[in-house]
């Protein structure tokens, strides 16, 4: 990569894994915005119902980042999801009347 795409290699080294955006692609914050919009739509359209989401690795991680308020370091310190890994959240109504999503399992295969 360094030899074939030196400009992109330098940009990736400068920006880091979290902030680097491939040409025509997305970085982690871009994906987070998309996942946030999806979560908002699900909250409105499927309130009170279970929802199954099938996705790739970065959106998978960004769901956890959103639900657990993780920053860049928190996201990058998560284990890489295995192929077909499962994360499950349950609605916890014990602390807030509208509830909060609580992690039940992560990277389960």
N, C-alpha and C. Protein backbone atom coordinates (compact mmCIF):
# COMPACT_ATOMS: atom_id res chain seq x y z
N UNK A 1 0.84 -1.18 0.00
CA UNK A 1 0.00 0.00 0.00
C UNK A 1 0.88 1.25 0.00
N UNK A 2 1.92 1.24 0.83
CA UNK A 2 2.79 2.41 0.91
C UNK A 2 3.43 2.75 -0.44
N UNK A 3 3.80 1.73 -1.20
CA UNK A 3 4.45 1.95 -2.49
C UNK A 3 3.43 2.29 -3.57
N UNK A 4 2.32 1.57 -3.60
CA UNK A 4 1.33 1.75 -4.67
C UNK A 4 0.46 3.00 -4.47
N UNK A 5 0.16 3.35 -3.23
CA UNK A 5 -0.70 4.51 -2.92
C UNK A 5 -0.04 5.38 -1.84
N UNK A 6 1.08 6.00 -2.15
CA UNK A 6 1.84 6.72 -1.12
C UNK A 6 1.07 7.88 -0.48
N UNK A 7 0.25 8.58 -1.25
CA UNK A 7 -0.50 9.72 -0.70
C UNK A 7 -1.53 9.21 0.31
N UNK A 8 -2.24 8.15 -0.05
CA UNK A 8 -3.24 7.59 0.87
C UNK A 8 -2.57 6.97 2.08
N UNK A 9 -1.44 6.34 1.88
CA UNK A 9 -0.71 5.76 3.01
C UNK A 9 -0.32 6.84 4.01
N UNK A 10 0.19 7.96 3.51
CA UNK A 10 0.57 9.06 4.40
C UNK A 10 -0.65 9.64 5.12
N UNK A 11 -1.75 9.77 4.40
CA UNK A 11 -2.98 10.29 5.02
C UNK A 11 -3.46 9.35 6.12
N UNK A 12 -3.41 8.05 5.87
CA UNK A 12 -3.84 7.06 6.87
C UNK A 12 -2.94 7.10 8.10
N UNK A 13 -1.64 7.24 7.87
CA UNK A 13 -0.69 7.31 8.98
C UNK A 13 -0.91 8.61 9.77
N UNK A 14 -1.22 9.69 9.08
CA UNK A 14 -1.45 10.98 9.74
C UNK A 14 -2.77 10.97 10.53
N UNK A 15 -3.84 10.50 9.90
CA UNK A 15 -5.18 10.59 10.50
C UNK A 15 -5.48 9.48 11.49
N UNK A 16 -4.88 8.31 11.30
CA UNK A 16 -5.16 7.17 12.16
C UNK A 16 -6.37 6.38 11.68
N UNK A 17 -6.51 5.20 12.23
CA UNK A 17 -7.56 4.27 11.81
C UNK A 17 -8.97 4.85 11.97
N UNK A 18 -9.20 5.57 13.05
CA UNK A 18 -10.54 6.07 13.36
C UNK A 18 -10.97 7.20 12.43
N UNK A 19 -10.07 8.12 12.14
CA UNK A 19 -10.42 9.33 11.39
C UNK A 19 -10.14 9.25 9.90
N UNK A 20 -9.32 8.30 9.47
CA UNK A 20 -8.97 8.21 8.05
C UNK A 20 -10.20 7.81 7.24
N UNK A 21 -10.40 8.49 6.13
CA UNK A 21 -11.51 8.20 5.22
C UNK A 21 -10.93 7.79 3.86
N UNK A 22 -11.20 6.55 3.43
CA UNK A 22 -10.78 6.10 2.11
C UNK A 22 -11.42 6.99 1.06
N UNK A 23 -10.78 7.18 -0.08
CA UNK A 23 -11.40 7.97 -1.14
C UNK A 23 -12.77 7.37 -1.51
N UNK A 24 -13.79 8.19 -1.40
CA UNK A 24 -15.14 7.72 -1.69
C UNK A 24 -15.75 6.87 -0.60
N UNK A 25 -15.05 6.72 0.53
CA UNK A 25 -15.52 5.86 1.61
C UNK A 25 -15.89 6.63 2.86
N UNK A 26 -15.94 5.92 3.96
CA UNK A 26 -16.35 6.50 5.24
C UNK A 26 -15.30 6.22 6.31
N UNK A 27 -15.23 7.10 7.29
CA UNK A 27 -14.43 6.82 8.47
C UNK A 27 -15.39 6.43 9.61
N UNK A 28 -14.86 6.13 10.76
CA UNK A 28 -15.70 5.69 11.88
C UNK A 28 -16.77 6.72 12.25
N UNK A 29 -16.44 8.02 12.37
CA UNK A 29 -17.50 9.00 12.68
C UNK A 29 -18.60 9.07 11.62
N UNK A 30 -18.25 8.89 10.34
CA UNK A 30 -19.27 8.85 9.29
C UNK A 30 -20.24 7.70 9.53
N UNK A 31 -19.68 6.54 9.85
CA UNK A 31 -20.51 5.36 10.11
C UNK A 31 -21.37 5.59 11.35
N UNK A 32 -20.78 6.23 12.36
CA UNK A 32 -21.54 6.52 13.58
C UNK A 32 -22.76 7.37 13.27
N UNK A 33 -22.61 8.36 12.39
CA UNK A 33 -23.76 9.20 12.03
C UNK A 33 -24.85 8.37 11.34
N UNK A 34 -24.44 7.47 10.45
CA UNK A 34 -25.42 6.61 9.78
C UNK A 34 -26.13 5.69 10.76
N UNK A 35 -25.35 5.10 11.68
CA UNK A 35 -25.95 4.20 12.68
C UNK A 35 -26.89 4.98 13.59
N UNK A 36 -26.51 6.20 13.98
CA UNK A 36 -27.39 7.03 14.80
C UNK A 36 -28.72 7.30 14.10
N UNK A 37 -28.66 7.62 12.82
CA UNK A 37 -29.89 7.86 12.06
C UNK A 37 -30.74 6.59 12.01
N UNK A 38 -30.10 5.46 11.83
CA UNK A 38 -30.81 4.18 11.81
C UNK A 38 -31.46 3.89 13.16
N UNK A 39 -30.73 4.12 14.24
CA UNK A 39 -31.27 3.89 15.59
C UNK A 39 -32.47 4.81 15.84
N UNK A 40 -32.37 6.07 15.44
CA UNK A 40 -33.49 7.00 15.60
C UNK A 40 -34.73 6.49 14.85
N UNK A 41 -34.51 6.03 13.62
CA UNK A 41 -35.63 5.53 12.83
C UNK A 41 -36.23 4.27 13.47
N UNK A 42 -35.39 3.38 13.95
CA UNK A 42 -35.88 2.16 14.61
C UNK A 42 -36.67 2.51 15.87
N UNK A 43 -36.17 3.48 16.62
CA UNK A 43 -36.85 3.90 17.85
C UNK A 43 -38.26 4.40 17.54
N UNK A 44 -38.39 5.16 16.48
CA UNK A 44 -39.71 5.68 16.08
C UNK A 44 -40.60 4.59 15.48
N UNK A 45 -40.02 3.77 14.63
CA UNK A 45 -40.83 2.83 13.86
C UNK A 45 -41.10 1.49 14.56
N UNK A 46 -40.23 1.11 15.48
CA UNK A 46 -40.36 -0.22 16.09
C UNK A 46 -40.33 -0.17 17.61
N UNK A 47 -40.78 0.90 18.19
CA UNK A 47 -40.78 1.06 19.65
C UNK A 47 -41.47 -0.13 20.31
N UNK A 48 -40.81 -0.68 21.33
CA UNK A 48 -41.38 -1.79 22.08
C UNK A 48 -41.24 -3.15 21.42
N UNK A 49 -40.59 -3.19 20.25
CA UNK A 49 -40.43 -4.46 19.54
C UNK A 49 -38.96 -4.84 19.45
N UNK A 50 -38.68 -6.10 19.29
CA UNK A 50 -37.31 -6.57 19.08
C UNK A 50 -36.91 -6.33 17.64
N UNK A 51 -35.66 -5.99 17.44
CA UNK A 51 -35.15 -5.70 16.10
C UNK A 51 -33.85 -6.48 15.91
N UNK A 52 -33.73 -7.16 14.78
CA UNK A 52 -32.51 -7.86 14.42
C UNK A 52 -31.80 -7.03 13.35
N UNK A 53 -30.52 -6.76 13.58
CA UNK A 53 -29.72 -5.99 12.62
C UNK A 53 -28.54 -6.85 12.19
N UNK A 54 -28.33 -6.98 10.90
CA UNK A 54 -27.19 -7.71 10.35
C UNK A 54 -26.31 -6.69 9.66
N UNK A 55 -25.03 -6.66 10.01
CA UNK A 55 -24.16 -5.61 9.50
C UNK A 55 -22.71 -6.07 9.41
N UNK A 56 -21.86 -5.17 8.96
CA UNK A 56 -20.43 -5.43 8.87
C UNK A 56 -19.75 -4.96 10.16
N UNK A 57 -18.44 -5.12 10.22
CA UNK A 57 -17.67 -4.90 11.44
C UNK A 57 -17.75 -3.48 12.00
N UNK A 58 -17.52 -2.46 11.19
CA UNK A 58 -17.48 -1.09 11.74
C UNK A 58 -18.85 -0.65 12.24
N UNK A 59 -19.94 -0.84 11.49
CA UNK A 59 -21.25 -0.50 12.07
C UNK A 59 -21.54 -1.30 13.35
N UNK A 60 -21.14 -2.56 13.36
CA UNK A 60 -21.29 -3.41 14.55
C UNK A 60 -20.64 -2.76 15.76
N UNK A 61 -19.42 -2.27 15.58
CA UNK A 61 -18.71 -1.60 16.67
C UNK A 61 -19.36 -0.27 17.02
N UNK A 62 -19.86 0.44 16.01
CA UNK A 62 -20.43 1.77 16.26
C UNK A 62 -21.77 1.69 16.99
N UNK A 63 -22.52 0.61 16.83
CA UNK A 63 -23.71 0.43 17.66
C UNK A 63 -23.30 0.43 19.13
N UNK A 64 -22.27 -0.32 19.45
CA UNK A 64 -21.81 -0.37 20.84
C UNK A 64 -21.29 0.99 21.29
N UNK A 65 -20.58 1.68 20.41
CA UNK A 65 -20.06 3.00 20.75
C UNK A 65 -21.19 3.96 21.11
N UNK A 66 -22.27 3.91 20.34
CA UNK A 66 -23.41 4.80 20.59
C UNK A 66 -24.11 4.43 21.89
N UNK A 67 -24.42 3.15 22.07
CA UNK A 67 -25.17 2.72 23.24
C UNK A 67 -24.39 2.87 24.54
N UNK A 68 -23.05 2.81 24.45
CA UNK A 68 -22.23 2.90 25.66
C UNK A 68 -21.40 4.18 25.72
N UNK A 69 -21.68 5.11 24.82
CA UNK A 69 -21.01 6.42 24.82
C UNK A 69 -19.49 6.27 24.80
N UNK A 70 -18.98 5.45 23.88
CA UNK A 70 -17.54 5.24 23.76
C UNK A 70 -16.91 6.31 22.88
N UNK A 71 -15.72 6.72 23.24
CA UNK A 71 -14.97 7.66 22.42
C UNK A 71 -14.05 6.88 21.47
N UNK A 72 -13.21 7.60 20.76
CA UNK A 72 -12.30 6.98 19.80
C UNK A 72 -11.48 5.86 20.44
N UNK A 73 -10.88 6.15 21.58
CA UNK A 73 -10.05 5.14 22.26
C UNK A 73 -10.90 3.93 22.67
N UNK A 74 -12.11 4.19 23.16
CA UNK A 74 -12.99 3.10 23.56
C UNK A 74 -13.36 2.20 22.40
N UNK A 75 -13.65 2.80 21.25
CA UNK A 75 -14.01 2.01 20.07
C UNK A 75 -12.83 1.18 19.60
N UNK A 76 -11.67 1.82 19.49
CA UNK A 76 -10.50 1.10 18.97
C UNK A 76 -9.97 0.06 19.93
N UNK A 77 -10.35 0.13 21.19
CA UNK A 77 -9.89 -0.89 22.15
C UNK A 77 -10.81 -2.10 22.20
N UNK A 78 -11.97 -2.04 21.52
CA UNK A 78 -12.86 -3.19 21.47
C UNK A 78 -12.22 -4.30 20.65
N UNK A 79 -12.51 -5.54 21.03
CA UNK A 79 -12.04 -6.67 20.24
C UNK A 79 -12.68 -6.62 18.86
N UNK A 80 -11.93 -7.03 17.85
CA UNK A 80 -12.49 -7.11 16.50
C UNK A 80 -13.60 -8.15 16.50
N UNK A 81 -14.70 -7.82 15.86
CA UNK A 81 -15.80 -8.79 15.85
C UNK A 81 -15.46 -10.02 15.00
N UNK A 82 -15.81 -11.20 15.49
CA UNK A 82 -15.59 -12.39 14.68
C UNK A 82 -16.61 -12.45 13.55
N UNK A 83 -16.34 -13.25 12.55
CA UNK A 83 -17.31 -13.46 11.48
C UNK A 83 -18.59 -14.01 12.10
N UNK A 84 -19.69 -13.39 11.82
CA UNK A 84 -21.01 -13.77 12.35
C UNK A 84 -21.11 -13.57 13.86
N UNK A 85 -20.33 -12.64 14.40
CA UNK A 85 -20.42 -12.33 15.82
C UNK A 85 -21.76 -11.69 16.16
N UNK A 86 -22.20 -11.92 17.38
CA UNK A 86 -23.49 -11.40 17.82
C UNK A 86 -23.29 -10.50 19.03
N UNK A 87 -23.96 -9.35 19.01
CA UNK A 87 -24.06 -8.55 20.22
C UNK A 87 -25.55 -8.37 20.49
N UNK A 88 -25.90 -8.44 21.75
CA UNK A 88 -27.32 -8.34 22.12
C UNK A 88 -27.47 -7.32 23.24
N UNK A 89 -28.48 -6.49 23.08
CA UNK A 89 -28.83 -5.50 24.10
C UNK A 89 -30.25 -5.78 24.57
N UNK A 90 -30.49 -5.49 25.83
CA UNK A 90 -31.84 -5.59 26.39
C UNK A 90 -32.21 -4.23 26.95
N UNK A 91 -33.49 -3.93 26.99
CA UNK A 91 -33.96 -2.66 27.52
C UNK A 91 -34.04 -2.75 29.04
N UNK A 92 -33.26 -1.94 29.71
CA UNK A 92 -33.23 -1.90 31.17
C UNK A 92 -34.07 -0.72 31.65
N UNK A 93 -35.16 -1.01 32.33
CA UNK A 93 -36.08 0.04 32.80
C UNK A 93 -35.88 0.37 34.28
N UNK A 94 -34.82 -0.15 34.89
CA UNK A 94 -34.64 0.02 36.34
C UNK A 94 -34.18 1.42 36.74
N UNK A 95 -33.48 2.14 35.88
CA UNK A 95 -32.91 3.43 36.26
C UNK A 95 -33.56 4.62 35.61
N UNK A 96 -34.15 4.42 34.43
CA UNK A 96 -34.78 5.51 33.72
C UNK A 96 -36.12 5.04 33.18
N UNK A 97 -37.16 5.87 33.28
CA UNK A 97 -38.48 5.44 32.83
C UNK A 97 -38.55 5.04 31.36
N UNK A 98 -37.78 5.74 30.50
CA UNK A 98 -37.79 5.40 29.09
C UNK A 98 -36.86 4.24 28.79
N UNK A 99 -36.06 3.85 29.78
CA UNK A 99 -35.16 2.71 29.63
C UNK A 99 -33.83 3.07 29.00
N UNK A 100 -32.90 2.15 29.14
CA UNK A 100 -31.56 2.27 28.56
C UNK A 100 -31.16 0.90 28.05
N UNK A 101 -30.49 0.88 26.92
CA UNK A 101 -30.04 -0.40 26.41
C UNK A 101 -28.84 -0.88 27.21
N UNK A 102 -28.90 -2.12 27.61
CA UNK A 102 -27.84 -2.73 28.43
C UNK A 102 -27.25 -3.90 27.64
N UNK A 103 -25.93 -3.94 27.56
CA UNK A 103 -25.24 -4.99 26.82
C UNK A 103 -25.47 -6.34 27.50
N UNK A 104 -25.96 -7.30 26.75
CA UNK A 104 -26.17 -8.65 27.28
C UNK A 104 -25.05 -9.59 26.81
N UNK A 105 -24.64 -9.46 25.54
CA UNK A 105 -23.51 -10.25 25.03
C UNK A 105 -22.83 -9.48 23.90
N UNK A 106 -21.53 -9.74 23.74
CA UNK A 106 -20.75 -9.08 22.69
C UNK A 106 -19.76 -10.08 22.09
N UNK A 107 -19.71 -10.12 20.79
CA UNK A 107 -18.82 -11.02 20.05
C UNK A 107 -19.10 -12.48 20.32
N UNK A 108 -20.34 -12.80 20.60
CA UNK A 108 -20.73 -14.19 20.81
C UNK A 108 -20.84 -14.88 19.44
N UNK A 109 -20.33 -16.10 19.38
CA UNK A 109 -20.41 -16.87 18.13
C UNK A 109 -21.14 -18.17 18.41
